[in-house]
Amino acid sequence: MGEHRLRLVVNDAGFGVHKPFAETTETEFDTLMNTHFKGVFFLTQRLLPMIEDGGRIVNVSTGLARFSLPGNAAYGSMKGAVEVLTRYMARELGPWGITFNVVAPGAIETDFGGGVVRDNPDVNAFVAANTAMGRAGEPDDVGGAVTSLLVGDNQWMTAQRIEVSGGMHL
């Protein structure tokens, strides 16, 4: 049986906890930490021996690491940690020829958060009113950015944060 090699990795596991800072429990915080930060850190560490020279890793963050909306302190903080970690990965592992970048989606019409952006007209209207493009994002909007980092001619781009938010909260 041959050796398994990876060229592309996308760290995109996650869920949200929408609660005010003062009401977020330690259990909720720890669960967010384990999924969003610890998962990215140790999964990537574990995969390193299998990643080819010239490999590409994309970590997924959120617009909430750049702007603040009440109820998202814990989630946004975890994603901010992922952004810092991505820069450290790029710096320490750059000699391996691996690129590390972050895609930070804005409000996207998906099942995330129970589908609130997609299914709640008031939330969708809020997003549209606060976004330069005048609408919530769609999955393909994010997919294109991720794809360009994985298979595009971006082998010299590393440690970058690419926000895909349609210009939310400019």
N, C-alpha and C. Protein backbone atom coordinates (compact mmCIF):
# COMPACT_ATOMS: atom_id res chain seq x y z
N MET A 1 0.85 -1.18 0.00
CA MET A 1 0.00 0.00 0.00
C MET A 1 0.89 1.24 0.00
N GLY A 2 0.60 2.21 -0.86
CA GLY A 2 1.42 3.41 -1.01
C GLY A 2 1.23 4.41 0.11
N GLU A 3 2.16 5.34 0.15
CA GLU A 3 2.11 6.40 1.14
C GLU A 3 1.03 7.40 0.74
N HIS A 4 0.24 7.84 1.70
CA HIS A 4 -0.81 8.82 1.43
C HIS A 4 -0.23 10.22 1.50
N ARG A 5 -0.53 11.03 0.50
CA ARG A 5 -0.05 12.40 0.43
C ARG A 5 -1.24 13.33 0.23
N LEU A 6 -1.14 14.49 0.82
CA LEU A 6 -2.15 15.52 0.67
C LEU A 6 -1.52 16.74 0.02
N ARG A 7 -2.28 17.40 -0.79
CA ARG A 7 -1.81 18.66 -1.37
C ARG A 7 -2.65 19.83 -0.88
N LEU A 8 -3.95 19.59 -0.64
CA LEU A 8 -4.87 20.65 -0.28
C LEU A 8 -5.61 20.31 1.00
N VAL A 9 -5.71 21.29 1.91
CA VAL A 9 -6.45 21.11 3.16
C VAL A 9 -7.27 22.38 3.39
N VAL A 10 -8.54 22.20 3.74
CA VAL A 10 -9.40 23.32 4.14
C VAL A 10 -9.91 23.00 5.54
N ASN A 11 -9.55 23.84 6.50
CA ASN A 11 -10.03 23.70 7.87
C ASN A 11 -11.28 24.56 8.02
N ASP A 12 -12.46 23.90 7.98
CA ASP A 12 -13.72 24.63 7.94
C ASP A 12 -14.78 24.05 8.87
N ALA A 13 -14.39 23.36 9.91
CA ALA A 13 -15.40 22.85 10.85
C ALA A 13 -15.84 24.00 11.74
N GLY A 14 -17.11 24.01 12.12
CA GLY A 14 -17.51 25.07 13.01
C GLY A 14 -19.00 25.14 13.27
N PHE A 15 -19.31 25.94 14.26
CA PHE A 15 -20.68 26.24 14.64
C PHE A 15 -20.61 27.56 15.39
N GLY A 16 -21.75 28.18 15.59
CA GLY A 16 -21.77 29.45 16.30
C GLY A 16 -22.52 29.36 17.61
N VAL A 17 -22.13 30.21 18.53
CA VAL A 17 -22.87 30.43 19.77
C VAL A 17 -23.18 31.91 19.80
N HIS A 18 -24.44 32.24 19.66
CA HIS A 18 -24.85 33.65 19.66
C HIS A 18 -25.38 33.98 21.05
N LYS A 19 -24.49 34.52 21.88
CA LYS A 19 -24.83 34.87 23.26
C LYS A 19 -24.01 36.07 23.69
N PRO A 20 -24.59 36.94 24.50
CA PRO A 20 -23.80 38.05 25.01
C PRO A 20 -22.57 37.55 25.78
N PHE A 21 -21.53 38.36 25.79
CA PHE A 21 -20.30 38.05 26.50
C PHE A 21 -20.59 37.61 27.95
N ALA A 22 -21.41 38.37 28.65
CA ALA A 22 -21.68 38.12 30.07
C ALA A 22 -22.45 36.83 30.31
N GLU A 23 -23.06 36.26 29.27
CA GLU A 23 -23.87 35.05 29.44
C GLU A 23 -23.25 33.80 28.84
N THR A 24 -22.12 33.93 28.16
CA THR A 24 -21.46 32.77 27.56
C THR A 24 -20.86 31.91 28.66
N THR A 25 -21.21 30.64 28.67
CA THR A 25 -20.72 29.75 29.72
C THR A 25 -19.32 29.22 29.38
N GLU A 26 -18.66 28.74 30.39
CA GLU A 26 -17.34 28.15 30.17
C GLU A 26 -17.44 26.92 29.28
N THR A 27 -18.49 26.15 29.42
CA THR A 27 -18.69 24.97 28.57
C THR A 27 -18.85 25.38 27.11
N GLU A 28 -19.64 26.41 26.84
CA GLU A 28 -19.80 26.89 25.46
C GLU A 28 -18.48 27.41 24.91
N PHE A 29 -17.75 28.16 25.73
CA PHE A 29 -16.45 28.67 25.34
C PHE A 29 -15.49 27.54 25.00
N ASP A 30 -15.42 26.54 25.87
CA ASP A 30 -14.52 25.40 25.64
C ASP A 30 -14.89 24.63 24.39
N THR A 31 -16.17 24.46 24.14
CA THR A 31 -16.60 23.75 22.93
C THR A 31 -16.21 24.53 21.68
N LEU A 32 -16.39 25.85 21.71
CA LEU A 32 -15.95 26.69 20.59
C LEU A 32 -14.43 26.59 20.42
N MET A 33 -13.70 26.67 21.52
CA MET A 33 -12.24 26.59 21.47
C MET A 33 -11.78 25.26 20.88
N ASN A 34 -12.38 24.17 21.32
CA ASN A 34 -11.98 22.85 20.84
C ASN A 34 -12.25 22.69 19.35
N THR A 35 -13.36 23.21 18.89
CA THR A 35 -13.72 23.06 17.48
C THR A 35 -12.96 24.03 16.59
N HIS A 36 -13.04 25.30 16.91
CA HIS A 36 -12.54 26.33 16.00
C HIS A 36 -11.04 26.54 16.07
N PHE A 37 -10.45 26.44 17.23
CA PHE A 37 -9.03 26.73 17.35
C PHE A 37 -8.18 25.48 17.55
N LYS A 38 -8.49 24.74 18.59
CA LYS A 38 -7.71 23.53 18.89
C LYS A 38 -7.80 22.53 17.74
N GLY A 39 -8.96 22.40 17.14
CA GLY A 39 -9.12 21.49 16.00
C GLY A 39 -8.22 21.85 14.84
N VAL A 40 -8.19 23.14 14.48
CA VAL A 40 -7.33 23.59 13.38
C VAL A 40 -5.86 23.36 13.72
N PHE A 41 -5.48 23.70 14.95
CA PHE A 41 -4.09 23.57 15.37
C PHE A 41 -3.61 22.12 15.28
N PHE A 42 -4.33 21.23 15.95
CA PHE A 42 -3.83 19.85 16.06
C PHE A 42 -4.14 18.98 14.84
N LEU A 43 -5.21 19.25 14.12
CA LEU A 43 -5.44 18.50 12.88
C LEU A 43 -4.35 18.84 11.87
N THR A 44 -4.05 20.12 11.73
CA THR A 44 -3.01 20.52 10.78
C THR A 44 -1.66 19.94 11.20
N GLN A 45 -1.36 19.99 12.49
CA GLN A 45 -0.11 19.41 13.00
C GLN A 45 -0.03 17.93 12.65
N ARG A 46 -1.12 17.24 12.85
CA ARG A 46 -1.15 15.78 12.59
C ARG A 46 -1.00 15.47 11.10
N LEU A 47 -1.54 16.34 10.25
CA LEU A 47 -1.48 16.12 8.80
C LEU A 47 -0.14 16.50 8.18
N LEU A 48 0.65 17.31 8.87
CA LEU A 48 1.89 17.83 8.28
C LEU A 48 2.76 16.77 7.61
N PRO A 49 2.99 15.61 8.22
CA PRO A 49 3.84 14.63 7.56
C PRO A 49 3.29 14.13 6.22
N MET A 50 2.01 14.33 5.99
CA MET A 50 1.38 13.85 4.75
C MET A 50 1.26 14.93 3.68
N ILE A 51 1.54 16.18 4.04
CA ILE A 51 1.34 17.29 3.10
C ILE A 51 2.56 17.43 2.21
N GLU A 52 2.30 17.47 0.92
CA GLU A 52 3.36 17.59 -0.08
C GLU A 52 4.01 18.96 -0.02
N ASP A 53 5.28 19.03 -0.43
CA ASP A 53 5.88 20.34 -0.68
C ASP A 53 5.02 21.03 -1.72
N GLY A 54 4.77 22.28 -1.52
CA GLY A 54 3.89 23.01 -2.43
C GLY A 54 2.43 22.86 -2.08
N GLY A 55 2.15 22.24 -0.94
CA GLY A 55 0.77 22.09 -0.50
C GLY A 55 0.15 23.42 -0.12
N ARG A 56 -1.17 23.41 -0.03
CA ARG A 56 -1.88 24.64 0.30
C ARG A 56 -2.91 24.36 1.38
N ILE A 57 -2.90 25.21 2.37
CA ILE A 57 -3.86 25.09 3.46
C ILE A 57 -4.65 26.39 3.57
N VAL A 58 -5.97 26.25 3.63
CA VAL A 58 -6.86 27.39 3.83
C VAL A 58 -7.62 27.16 5.13
N ASN A 59 -7.50 28.11 6.03
CA ASN A 59 -8.26 28.10 7.27
C ASN A 59 -9.43 29.07 7.10
N VAL A 60 -10.57 28.71 7.67
CA VAL A 60 -11.75 29.55 7.52
C VAL A 60 -11.99 30.31 8.81
N SER A 61 -12.16 31.62 8.67
CA SER A 61 -12.41 32.51 9.79
C SER A 61 -13.81 33.10 9.63
N THR A 62 -13.95 34.38 9.90
CA THR A 62 -15.24 35.07 9.79
C THR A 62 -15.01 36.57 9.73
N GLY A 63 -15.93 37.28 9.12
CA GLY A 63 -15.91 38.73 9.18
C GLY A 63 -15.96 39.24 10.61
N LEU A 64 -16.54 38.44 11.50
CA LEU A 64 -16.67 38.82 12.91
C LEU A 64 -15.33 38.89 13.64
N ALA A 65 -14.25 38.54 12.98
CA ALA A 65 -12.92 38.75 13.55
C ALA A 65 -12.43 40.17 13.23
N ARG A 66 -13.09 40.85 12.28
CA ARG A 66 -12.74 42.23 11.92
C ARG A 66 -13.70 43.23 12.52
N PHE A 67 -14.99 42.95 12.48
CA PHE A 67 -15.99 43.85 13.06
C PHE A 67 -16.72 43.13 14.18
N SER A 68 -17.36 43.89 15.03
CA SER A 68 -18.00 43.31 16.22
C SER A 68 -19.50 43.49 16.16
N LEU A 69 -20.21 42.41 16.39
CA LEU A 69 -21.66 42.44 16.55
C LEU A 69 -21.98 41.80 17.89
N PRO A 70 -22.79 42.45 18.71
CA PRO A 70 -23.11 41.88 20.02
C PRO A 70 -23.59 40.44 19.92
N GLY A 71 -23.15 39.63 20.86
CA GLY A 71 -23.54 38.22 20.90
C GLY A 71 -22.55 37.29 20.23
N ASN A 72 -21.46 37.84 19.73
CA ASN A 72 -20.49 37.01 18.99
C ASN A 72 -19.08 37.08 19.54
N ALA A 73 -18.92 37.49 20.80
CA ALA A 73 -17.58 37.67 21.37
C ALA A 73 -16.77 36.38 21.36
N ALA A 74 -17.34 35.29 21.81
CA ALA A 74 -16.58 34.04 21.89
C ALA A 74 -16.26 33.50 20.50
N TYR A 75 -17.26 33.44 19.64
CA TYR A 75 -17.05 32.92 18.28
C TYR A 75 -16.04 33.78 17.51
N GLY A 76 -16.24 35.09 17.51
CA GLY A 76 -15.33 35.97 16.79
C GLY A 76 -13.91 35.90 17.32
N SER A 77 -13.77 35.74 18.63
CA SER A 77 -12.44 35.62 19.23
C SER A 77 -11.73 34.34 18.80
N MET A 78 -12.47 33.24 18.72
CA MET A 78 -11.86 31.98 18.28
C MET A 78 -11.35 32.11 16.85
N LYS A 79 -12.16 32.74 16.00
CA LYS A 79 -11.76 32.90 14.61
C LYS A 79 -10.59 33.88 14.48
N GLY A 80 -10.54 34.89 15.36
CA GLY A 80 -9.37 35.78 15.39
C GLY A 80 -8.11 35.00 15.74
N ALA A 81 -8.24 34.06 16.66
CA ALA A 81 -7.10 33.21 17.02
C ALA A 81 -6.65 32.37 15.82
N VAL A 82 -7.59 31.89 15.03
CA VAL A 82 -7.25 31.12 13.82
C VAL A 82 -6.46 32.00 12.85
N GLU A 83 -6.82 33.26 12.75
CA GLU A 83 -6.10 34.17 11.85
C GLU A 83 -4.65 34.36 12.30
N VAL A 84 -4.44 34.54 13.60
CA VAL A 84 -3.07 34.66 14.13
C VAL A 84 -2.31 33.36 13.92
N LEU A 85 -2.93 32.25 14.23
CA LEU A 85 -2.30 30.95 14.04
C LEU A 85 -1.88 30.75 12.58
N THR A 86 -2.69 31.18 11.65
CA THR A 86 -2.37 31.03 10.23
C THR A 86 -1.07 31.76 9.89
N ARG A 87 -0.88 32.94 10.45
CA ARG A 87 0.37 33.67 10.20
C ARG A 87 1.57 32.92 10.78
N TYR A 88 1.41 32.34 11.97
CA TYR A 88 2.50 31.57 12.57
C TYR A 88 2.80 30.31 11.74
N MET A 89 1.76 29.65 11.28
CA MET A 89 1.97 28.46 10.44
C MET A 89 2.75 28.85 9.19
N ALA A 90 2.35 29.94 8.56
CA ALA A 90 3.02 30.38 7.34
C ALA A 90 4.49 30.69 7.61
N ARG A 91 4.76 31.35 8.71
CA ARG A 91 6.13 31.72 9.04
C ARG A 91 6.99 30.51 9.35
N GLU A 92 6.47 29.61 10.17
CA GLU A 92 7.25 28.47 10.61
C GLU A 92 7.36 27.37 9.56
N LEU A 93 6.33 27.24 8.74
CA LEU A 93 6.29 26.11 7.80
C LEU A 93 6.50 26.54 6.35
N GLY A 94 6.72 27.82 6.13
CA GLY A 94 7.00 28.32 4.78
C GLY A 94 8.15 27.59 4.10
N PRO A 95 9.23 27.28 4.83
CA PRO A 95 10.34 26.55 4.20
C PRO A 95 9.93 25.19 3.63
N TRP A 96 8.79 24.65 4.07
CA TRP A 96 8.31 23.38 3.53
C TRP A 96 7.61 23.60 2.18
N GLY A 97 7.47 24.86 1.78
CA GLY A 97 6.80 25.15 0.51
C GLY A 97 5.29 25.13 0.61
N ILE A 98 4.75 25.11 1.82
CA ILE A 98 3.31 25.07 2.03
C ILE A 98 2.81 26.50 2.24
N THR A 99 1.71 26.85 1.59
CA THR A 99 1.09 28.15 1.83
C THR A 99 -0.05 27.99 2.82
N PHE A 100 -0.24 29.00 3.64
CA PHE A 100 -1.31 29.05 4.64
C PHE A 100 -2.02 30.38 4.50
N ASN A 101 -3.31 30.35 4.23
CA ASN A 101 -4.10 31.56 4.10
C ASN A 101 -5.43 31.39 4.82
N VAL A 102 -6.11 32.51 5.02
CA VAL A 102 -7.40 32.52 5.70
C VAL A 102 -8.45 33.13 4.77
N VAL A 103 -9.59 32.48 4.69
CA VAL A 103 -10.76 33.07 4.06
C VAL A 103 -11.73 33.40 5.18
N ALA A 104 -12.22 34.63 5.19
CA ALA A 104 -13.11 35.10 6.25
C ALA A 104 -14.46 35.49 5.63
N PRO A 105 -15.41 34.56 5.63
CA PRO A 105 -16.72 34.89 5.07
C PRO A 105 -17.49 35.88 5.93
N GLY A 106 -18.35 36.61 5.28
CA GLY A 106 -19.33 37.43 5.99
C GLY A 106 -20.58 36.58 6.20
N ALA A 107 -21.72 37.23 6.23
CA ALA A 107 -22.99 36.53 6.43
C ALA A 107 -23.38 35.80 5.14
N ILE A 108 -23.44 34.48 5.23
CA ILE A 108 -23.69 33.63 4.07
C ILE A 108 -24.99 32.87 4.27
N GLU A 109 -25.77 32.75 3.23
CA GLU A 109 -27.06 32.04 3.28
C GLU A 109 -26.83 30.52 3.26
N THR A 110 -26.59 29.96 4.45
CA THR A 110 -26.37 28.52 4.60
C THR A 110 -27.14 28.03 5.82
N ASP A 111 -26.89 26.78 6.20
CA ASP A 111 -27.49 26.21 7.40
C ASP A 111 -26.80 26.69 8.68
N PHE A 112 -25.65 27.36 8.56
CA PHE A 112 -24.89 27.80 9.73
C PHE A 112 -25.79 28.65 10.63
N GLY A 113 -25.66 28.42 11.93
CA GLY A 113 -26.48 29.17 12.89
C GLY A 113 -27.96 28.89 12.74
N GLY A 114 -28.29 27.68 12.31
CA GLY A 114 -29.70 27.34 12.13
C GLY A 114 -30.31 27.95 10.88
N GLY A 115 -29.48 28.44 9.97
CA GLY A 115 -29.99 29.02 8.73
C GLY A 115 -30.54 30.43 8.90
N VAL A 116 -30.13 31.11 9.97
CA VAL A 116 -30.74 32.41 10.29
C VAL A 116 -30.54 33.44 9.19
N VAL A 117 -29.38 33.50 8.55
CA VAL A 117 -29.15 34.48 7.48
C VAL A 117 -30.02 34.14 6.27
N ARG A 118 -30.15 32.88 5.99
CA ARG A 118 -30.93 32.44 4.84
C ARG A 118 -32.43 32.52 5.09
N ASP A 119 -32.88 32.13 6.29
CA ASP A 119 -34.31 31.91 6.54
C ASP A 119 -35.03 33.03 7.28
N ASN A 120 -34.29 33.93 7.91
CA ASN A 120 -34.93 35.00 8.68
C ASN A 120 -34.89 36.29 7.85
N PRO A 121 -36.05 36.75 7.35
CA PRO A 121 -36.07 37.94 6.49
C PRO A 121 -35.50 39.19 7.17
N ASP A 122 -35.70 39.33 8.48
CA ASP A 122 -35.16 40.50 9.19
C ASP A 122 -33.64 40.47 9.23
N VAL A 123 -33.07 39.30 9.50
CA VAL A 123 -31.60 39.18 9.52
C VAL A 123 -31.06 39.40 8.11
N ASN A 124 -31.70 38.83 7.12
CA ASN A 124 -31.24 38.99 5.74
C ASN A 124 -31.28 40.47 5.34
N ALA A 125 -32.34 41.18 5.73
CA ALA A 125 -32.45 42.61 5.42
C ALA A 125 -31.36 43.41 6.14
N PHE A 126 -31.05 43.06 7.40
CA PHE A 126 -29.97 43.72 8.14
C PHE A 126 -28.64 43.54 7.42
N VAL A 127 -28.37 42.33 6.99
CA VAL A 127 -27.13 42.05 6.27
C VAL A 127 -27.07 42.86 4.99
N ALA A 128 -28.13 42.84 4.21
CA ALA A 128 -28.16 43.57 2.95
C ALA A 128 -27.94 45.07 3.17
N ALA A 129 -28.53 45.61 4.23
CA ALA A 129 -28.40 47.04 4.51
C ALA A 129 -27.00 47.43 4.96
N ASN A 130 -26.22 46.48 5.46
CA ASN A 130 -24.88 46.75 5.98
C ASN A 130 -23.76 46.20 5.12
N THR A 131 -24.10 45.85 3.89
CA THR A 131 -23.15 45.25 2.97
C THR A 131 -23.08 46.08 1.70
N ALA A 132 -21.87 46.43 1.28
CA ALA A 132 -21.70 47.25 0.08
C ALA A 132 -22.37 46.64 -1.14
N MET A 133 -22.39 45.31 -1.23
CA MET A 133 -22.99 44.63 -2.37
C MET A 133 -24.51 44.53 -2.25
N GLY A 134 -25.07 44.91 -1.09
CA GLY A 134 -26.51 44.98 -0.92
C GLY A 134 -27.23 43.65 -0.79
N ARG A 135 -26.50 42.61 -0.38
CA ARG A 135 -27.13 41.30 -0.21
C ARG A 135 -26.29 40.44 0.70
N ALA A 136 -26.88 39.38 1.20
CA ALA A 136 -26.13 38.36 1.93
C ALA A 136 -25.35 37.53 0.92
N GLY A 137 -24.31 36.90 1.39
CA GLY A 137 -23.51 36.05 0.53
C GLY A 137 -24.17 34.71 0.28
N GLU A 138 -23.69 34.05 -0.75
CA GLU A 138 -24.13 32.70 -1.11
C GLU A 138 -22.92 31.78 -1.05
N PRO A 139 -23.15 30.49 -0.85
CA PRO A 139 -22.01 29.57 -0.73
C PRO A 139 -21.00 29.68 -1.88
N ASP A 140 -21.45 29.86 -3.10
CA ASP A 140 -20.52 29.96 -4.22
C ASP A 140 -19.61 31.18 -4.13
N ASP A 141 -20.08 32.23 -3.43
CA ASP A 141 -19.23 33.40 -3.25
C ASP A 141 -17.97 33.04 -2.47
N VAL A 142 -18.12 32.21 -1.46
CA VAL A 142 -16.99 31.78 -0.63
C VAL A 142 -16.20 30.70 -1.36
N GLY A 143 -16.89 29.80 -2.01
CA GLY A 143 -16.24 28.71 -2.71
C GLY A 143 -15.24 29.19 -3.75
N GLY A 144 -15.57 30.25 -4.44
CA GLY A 144 -14.66 30.79 -5.45
C GLY A 144 -13.37 31.30 -4.84
N ALA A 145 -13.48 31.95 -3.69
CA ALA A 145 -12.28 32.46 -3.01
C ALA A 145 -11.40 31.31 -2.53
N VAL A 146 -12.01 30.30 -1.94
CA VAL A 146 -11.26 29.14 -1.45
C VAL A 146 -10.58 28.44 -2.63
N THR A 147 -11.32 28.22 -3.69
CA THR A 147 -10.76 27.54 -4.87
C THR A 147 -9.57 28.30 -5.43
N SER A 148 -9.67 29.62 -5.49
CA SER A 148 -8.55 30.39 -6.06
C SER A 148 -7.28 30.24 -5.22
N LEU A 149 -7.45 30.07 -3.91
CA LEU A 149 -6.26 29.88 -3.06
C LEU A 149 -5.71 28.47 -3.17
N LEU A 150 -6.56 27.52 -3.47
CA LEU A 150 -6.12 26.12 -3.54
C LEU A 150 -5.52 25.74 -4.89
N VAL A 151 -6.11 26.21 -5.96
CA VAL A 151 -5.67 25.74 -7.28
C VAL A 151 -5.27 26.87 -8.22
N GLY A 152 -5.36 28.10 -7.78
CA GLY A 152 -4.97 29.22 -8.63
C GLY A 152 -3.47 29.41 -8.64
N ASP A 153 -3.05 30.43 -9.34
CA ASP A 153 -1.62 30.76 -9.43
C ASP A 153 -1.20 31.64 -8.26
N ASN A 154 -1.46 31.16 -7.06
CA ASN A 154 -1.17 31.93 -5.85
C ASN A 154 -0.08 31.29 -5.00
N GLN A 155 0.87 30.61 -5.62
CA GLN A 155 1.88 29.91 -4.84
C GLN A 155 2.79 30.85 -4.06
N TRP A 156 2.79 32.13 -4.35
CA TRP A 156 3.61 33.09 -3.65
C TRP A 156 2.81 33.84 -2.58
N MET A 157 1.52 33.55 -2.48
CA MET A 157 0.66 34.20 -1.49
C MET A 157 0.55 33.32 -0.26
N THR A 158 0.96 33.87 0.88
CA THR A 158 0.83 33.13 2.12
C THR A 158 0.63 34.12 3.26
N ALA A 159 0.01 33.65 4.34
CA ALA A 159 -0.25 34.45 5.54
C ALA A 159 -1.22 35.60 5.28
N GLN A 160 -2.11 35.42 4.31
CA GLN A 160 -3.05 36.48 3.96
C GLN A 160 -4.46 36.15 4.44
N ARG A 161 -5.19 37.20 4.78
CA ARG A 161 -6.59 37.09 5.18
C ARG A 161 -7.41 37.67 4.03
N ILE A 162 -8.25 36.85 3.44
CA ILE A 162 -9.11 37.27 2.35
C ILE A 162 -10.54 37.30 2.88
N GLU A 163 -11.09 38.50 3.02
CA GLU A 163 -12.47 38.60 3.50
C GLU A 163 -13.43 38.52 2.32
N VAL A 164 -14.41 37.67 2.45
CA VAL A 164 -15.43 37.46 1.42
C VAL A 164 -16.77 37.81 2.06
N SER A 165 -17.02 39.12 2.19
CA SER A 165 -18.20 39.57 2.91
C SER A 165 -19.08 40.51 2.10
N GLY A 166 -18.75 40.73 0.85
CA GLY A 166 -19.51 41.68 0.05
C GLY A 166 -19.35 43.11 0.54
N GLY A 167 -18.32 43.34 1.36
CA GLY A 167 -18.09 44.67 1.90
C GLY A 167 -18.95 44.99 3.12
N MET A 168 -19.15 44.01 3.98
CA MET A 168 -19.98 44.23 5.17
C MET A 168 -19.24 45.13 6.16
N HIS A 169 -19.96 46.08 6.70
CA HIS A 169 -19.47 47.03 7.72
C HIS A 169 -18.18 47.74 7.30
N LEU A 170 -18.19 48.34 6.13
CA LEU A 170 -17.03 49.11 5.69
C LEU A 170 -17.00 50.47 6.36
